[in-house]
C-alpha atoms as a PDB file:
ATOM      1  CA  MET A   1      14.289   2.575 -20.271  1.00  0.00           C
ATOM      2  CA  LEU A   2      11.530   2.430 -18.209  1.00  0.00           C
ATOM      3  CA  ALA A   3      10.803   5.828 -15.659  1.00  0.00           C
ATOM      4  CA  ALA A   4       8.182   5.807 -12.785  1.00  0.00           C
ATOM      5  CA  THR A   5       7.328   9.102 -10.444  1.00  0.00           C
ATOM      6  CA  ILE A   6       6.272   7.633  -6.736  1.00  0.00           C
ATOM      7  CA  HIS A   7       4.692  10.440  -4.941  1.00  0.00           C
ATOM      8  CA  ARG A   8       4.313  10.096  -0.380  1.00  0.00           C
ATOM      9  CA  GLY A   9       2.855  12.941   0.598  1.00  0.00           C
ATOM     10  CA  ALA A  10       5.576  15.699  -0.509  1.00  0.00           C
ATOM     11  CA  GLU A  11       7.916  13.191  -1.029  1.00  0.00           C
ATOM     12  CA  GLU A  12       9.103  12.062  -4.740  1.00  0.00           C
ATOM     13  CA  LEU A  13      10.704   9.064  -5.647  1.00  0.00           C
ATOM     14  CA  ARG A  14      11.982   8.870  -9.454  1.00  0.00           C
ATOM     15  CA  VAL A  15      12.526   5.107 -10.356  1.00  0.00           C
ATOM     16  CA  TYR A  16      14.739   3.954 -13.372  1.00  0.00           C
ATOM     17  CA  ASP A  17      14.536   0.219 -14.516  1.00  0.00           C
ATOM     18  CA  THR A  18      17.222  -0.614 -17.361  1.00  0.00           C
ATOM     19  CA  HIS A  19      18.687  -3.426 -18.936  1.00  0.00           C
ATOM     20  CA  LEU A  20      21.696  -2.821 -20.709  1.00  0.00           C
ATOM     21  CA  ALA A  21      23.469  -5.177 -23.284  1.00  0.00           C
ATOM     22  CA  SER A  22      24.476  -8.167 -22.746  1.00  0.00           C
ATOM     23  CA  GLY A  23      27.426 -10.363 -24.918  1.00  0.00           C
ATOM     24  CA  PRO A  24      31.132 -10.416 -24.188  1.00  0.00           C
ATOM     25  CA  ALA A  25      32.251  -6.360 -24.680  1.00  0.00           C
ATOM     26  CA  PRO A  26      31.564  -4.209 -21.949  1.00  0.00           C
ATOM     27  CA  ASP A  27      32.115  -0.611 -24.122  1.00  0.00           C
ATOM     28  CA  GLU A  28      28.779  -0.755 -25.057  1.00  0.00           C
ATOM     29  CA  ARG A  29      27.195  -1.256 -21.381  1.00  0.00           C
ATOM     30  CA  ILE A  30      29.335   1.618 -20.229  1.00  0.00           C
ATOM     31  CA  ALA A  31      28.299   3.906 -22.864  1.00  0.00           C
ATOM     32  CA  GLN A  32      24.236   2.753 -22.202  1.00  0.00           C
ATOM     33  CA  ALA A  33      25.188   3.667 -18.491  1.00  0.00           C
ATOM     34  CA  ALA A  34      26.500   6.814 -19.355  1.00  0.00           C
ATOM     35  CA  ARG A  35      23.514   7.354 -21.258  1.00  0.00           C
ATOM     36  CA  VAL A  36      20.899   6.517 -18.016  1.00  0.00           C
ATOM     37  CA  ALA A  37      23.521   8.645 -15.641  1.00  0.00           C
ATOM     38  CA  SER A  38      22.790  12.076 -18.155  1.00  0.00           C
ATOM     39  CA  VAL A  39      18.931  11.085 -18.137  1.00  0.00           C
ATOM     40  CA  VAL A  40      19.178  10.709 -14.317  1.00  0.00           C
ATOM     41  CA  ILE A  41      21.396  14.093 -13.737  1.00  0.00           C
ATOM     42  CA  ALA A  42      19.041  16.106 -16.063  1.00  0.00           C
ATOM     43  CA  ASP A  43      16.133  14.983 -13.845  1.00  0.00           C
ATOM     44  CA  SER A  44      14.661  17.426 -11.131  1.00  0.00           C
ATOM     45  CA  ALA A  45      13.033  15.135  -8.986  1.00  0.00           C
ATOM     46  CA  ALA A  46      14.424  15.395  -5.453  1.00  0.00           C
ATOM     47  CA  THR A  47      15.325  11.543  -5.011  1.00  0.00           C
ATOM     48  CA  ARG A  48      16.205   9.102  -8.034  1.00  0.00           C
ATOM     49  CA  ILE A  49      17.309   5.434  -8.091  1.00  0.00           C
ATOM     50  CA  VAL A  50      18.096   3.045 -10.877  1.00  0.00           C
ATOM     51  CA  MET A  51      17.612  -0.414 -11.088  1.00  0.00           C
ATOM     52  CA  GLY A  52      17.721  -3.042 -13.500  1.00  0.00           C
ATOM     53  CA  ASP A  53      19.881  -5.618 -15.083  1.00  0.00           C
ATOM     54  CA  LEU A  54      22.722  -4.544 -15.454  1.00  0.00           C
ATOM     55  CA  ASN A  55      24.265  -7.113 -17.383  1.00  0.00           C
ATOM     56  CA  ALA A  56      27.704  -5.906 -15.650  1.00  0.00           C
ATOM     57  CA  PRO A  57      29.238  -9.082 -13.443  1.00  0.00           C
ATOM     58  CA  GLY A  58      32.297  -7.336 -11.834  1.00  0.00           C
ATOM     59  CA  GLU A  59      32.220  -4.660 -14.135  1.00  0.00           C
ATOM     60  CA  VAL A  60      33.244  -1.452 -11.854  1.00  0.00           C
ATOM     61  CA  GLU A  61      33.392   0.835 -15.029  1.00  0.00           C
ATOM     62  CA  VAL A  62      29.546   0.266 -15.629  1.00  0.00           C
ATOM     63  CA  ILE A  63      28.822   1.515 -11.776  1.00  0.00           C
ATOM     64  CA  ARG A  64      31.538   4.076 -12.240  1.00  0.00           C
ATOM     65  CA  GLU A  65      29.445   5.982 -14.679  1.00  0.00           C
ATOM     66  CA  LEU A  66      26.223   5.548 -12.778  1.00  0.00           C
ATOM     67  CA  ARG A  67      27.973   7.079  -9.977  1.00  0.00           C
ATOM     68  CA  ALA A  68      28.300   9.746 -11.769  1.00  0.00           C
ATOM     69  CA  ALA A  69      24.623  11.084 -10.825  1.00  0.00           C
ATOM     70  CA  GLY A  70      25.270  10.635  -7.452  1.00  0.00           C
ATOM     71  CA  LEU A  71      23.850   6.853  -7.266  1.00  0.00           C
ATOM     72  CA  ARG A  72      26.219   4.261  -5.295  1.00  0.00           C
ATOM     73  CA  ASP A  73      25.805   0.477  -5.277  1.00  0.00           C
ATOM     74  CA  PRO A  74      24.898  -0.300  -1.644  1.00  0.00           C
ATOM     75  CA  GLY A  75      26.309  -4.030  -2.932  1.00  0.00           C
ATOM     76  CA  GLY A  76      24.467  -7.543  -3.378  1.00  0.00           C
ATOM     77  CA  GLY A  77      24.892 -11.080  -3.943  1.00  0.00           C
ATOM     78  CA  PRO A  78      24.693 -13.231  -7.360  1.00  0.00           C
ATOM     79  CA  THR A  79      21.417 -13.199  -8.937  1.00  0.00           C
ATOM     80  CA  ASN A  80      21.739 -15.174 -12.120  1.00  0.00           C
ATOM     81  CA  PRO A  81      20.937 -18.197 -12.925  1.00  0.00           C
ATOM     82  CA  SER A  82      17.892 -17.676 -10.655  1.00  0.00           C
ATOM     83  CA  ILE A  83      17.830 -21.763 -10.100  1.00  0.00           C
ATOM     84  CA  ALA A  84      21.210 -21.649  -8.615  1.00  0.00           C
ATOM     85  CA  PRO A  85      22.639 -17.997  -8.603  1.00  0.00           C
ATOM     86  CA  ARG A  86      26.312 -17.523  -9.242  1.00  0.00           C
ATOM     87  CA  GLN A  87      26.900 -13.880 -10.839  1.00  0.00           C
ATOM     88  CA  ARG A  88      25.740 -10.489 -10.074  1.00  0.00           C
ATOM     89  CA  LEU A  89      23.554  -9.196 -12.692  1.00  0.00           C
ATOM     90  CA  ASP A  90      21.055  -7.056 -11.468  1.00  0.00           C
ATOM     91  CA  TYR A  91      21.304  -3.805  -9.337  1.00  0.00           C
ATOM     92  CA  VAL A  92      19.407  -1.353  -7.247  1.00  0.00           C
ATOM     93  CA  LEU A  93      21.628   2.048  -7.050  1.00  0.00           C
ATOM     94  CA  VAL A  94      20.847   4.630  -4.481  1.00  0.00           C
ATOM     95  CA  PRO A  95      21.475   7.810  -3.922  1.00  0.00           C
ATOM     96  CA  ASP A  96      24.551   8.765  -2.180  1.00  0.00           C
ATOM     97  CA  THR A  97      22.862  10.541   0.798  1.00  0.00           C
ATOM     98  CA  ALA A  98      20.724   7.154   1.651  1.00  0.00           C
ATOM     99  CA  THR A  99      21.219   5.098   4.684  1.00  0.00           C
ATOM    100  CA  VAL A 100      20.996   1.631   3.304  1.00  0.00           C
ATOM    101  CA  VAL A 101      18.165  -0.147   5.884  1.00  0.00           C
ATOM    102  CA  GLU A 102      18.230  -3.712   4.768  1.00  0.00           C
ATOM    103  CA  GLN A 103      19.563  -5.183   0.881  1.00  0.00           C
ATOM    104  CA  HIS A 104      18.438  -8.606  -0.032  1.00  0.00           C
ATOM    105  CA  GLU A 105      18.339 -11.522  -2.798  1.00  0.00           C
ATOM    106  CA  PRO A 106      16.601 -14.831  -2.281  1.00  0.00           C
ATOM    107  CA  ASP A 107      18.702 -18.151  -2.163  1.00  0.00           C
ATOM    108  CA  GLY A 108      17.581 -19.059  -5.906  1.00  0.00           C
ATOM    109  CA  GLY A 109      15.679 -22.521  -6.228  1.00  0.00           C
ATOM    110  CA  GLU A 110      13.229 -23.893  -9.006  1.00  0.00           C
ATOM    111  CA  ASP A 111      10.508 -21.978  -7.652  1.00  0.00           C
ATOM    112  CA  TRP A 112      12.333 -18.818  -8.858  1.00  0.00           C
ATOM    113  CA  TRP A 113      13.272 -20.239 -11.989  1.00  0.00           C
ATOM    114  CA  ALA A 114       9.775 -20.940 -12.649  1.00  0.00           C
ATOM    115  CA  ILE A 115       9.329 -17.058 -12.933  1.00  0.00           C
ATOM    116  CA  SER A 116      12.256 -15.957 -14.172  1.00  0.00           C
ATOM    117  CA  ASP A 117      16.074 -16.631 -14.942  1.00  0.00           C
ATOM    118  CA  HIS A 118      16.903 -13.816 -12.898  1.00  0.00           C
ATOM    119  CA  LEU A 119      16.285 -13.154  -9.052  1.00  0.00           C
ATOM    120  CA  PRO A 120      15.077  -9.590  -7.651  1.00  0.00           C
ATOM    121  CA  VAL A 121      16.712  -7.268  -5.380  1.00  0.00           C
ATOM    122  CA  LEU A 122      15.289  -5.898  -2.142  1.00  0.00           C
ATOM    123  CA  VAL A 123      17.128  -2.671  -1.098  1.00  0.00           C
ATOM    124  CA  ALA A 124      15.212  -0.492   1.547  1.00  0.00           C
ATOM    125  CA  PHE A 125      16.929   2.767   2.301  1.00  0.00           C
ATOM    126  CA  ARG A 126      16.268   6.495   4.289  1.00  0.00           C
ATOM    127  CA  GLN A 127      16.718   9.339   2.658  1.00  0.00           C
ATOM    128  CA  GLN A 128      18.275  11.721   4.523  1.00  0.00           C
END
């Protein structure tokens, strides 16, 4: 897990980027998500988001662990494989209090495939 703090005037945004385990059994991802949530909960930054490859197509238990940190999933479309996306692995989780202004993933294709096997996810939000 990586973390970065972005300062804009008096505002502070802590961004956590993570890559949870791949593989068929979700138990490890659920445990990893719980550990990520505990780090986020302990953080004193006013606004925090978690994003990354959660390897959790339809695994609500993984997202539920991150809800404990006051984060929510604004939804999204498939992000993998980038050439012809059919499963959602990549997420941006925003604060419960955020108003999502935009959420988008590109359609995919050969140009994206040349960059990565995953598509980027854009989420724009306002913190209340």
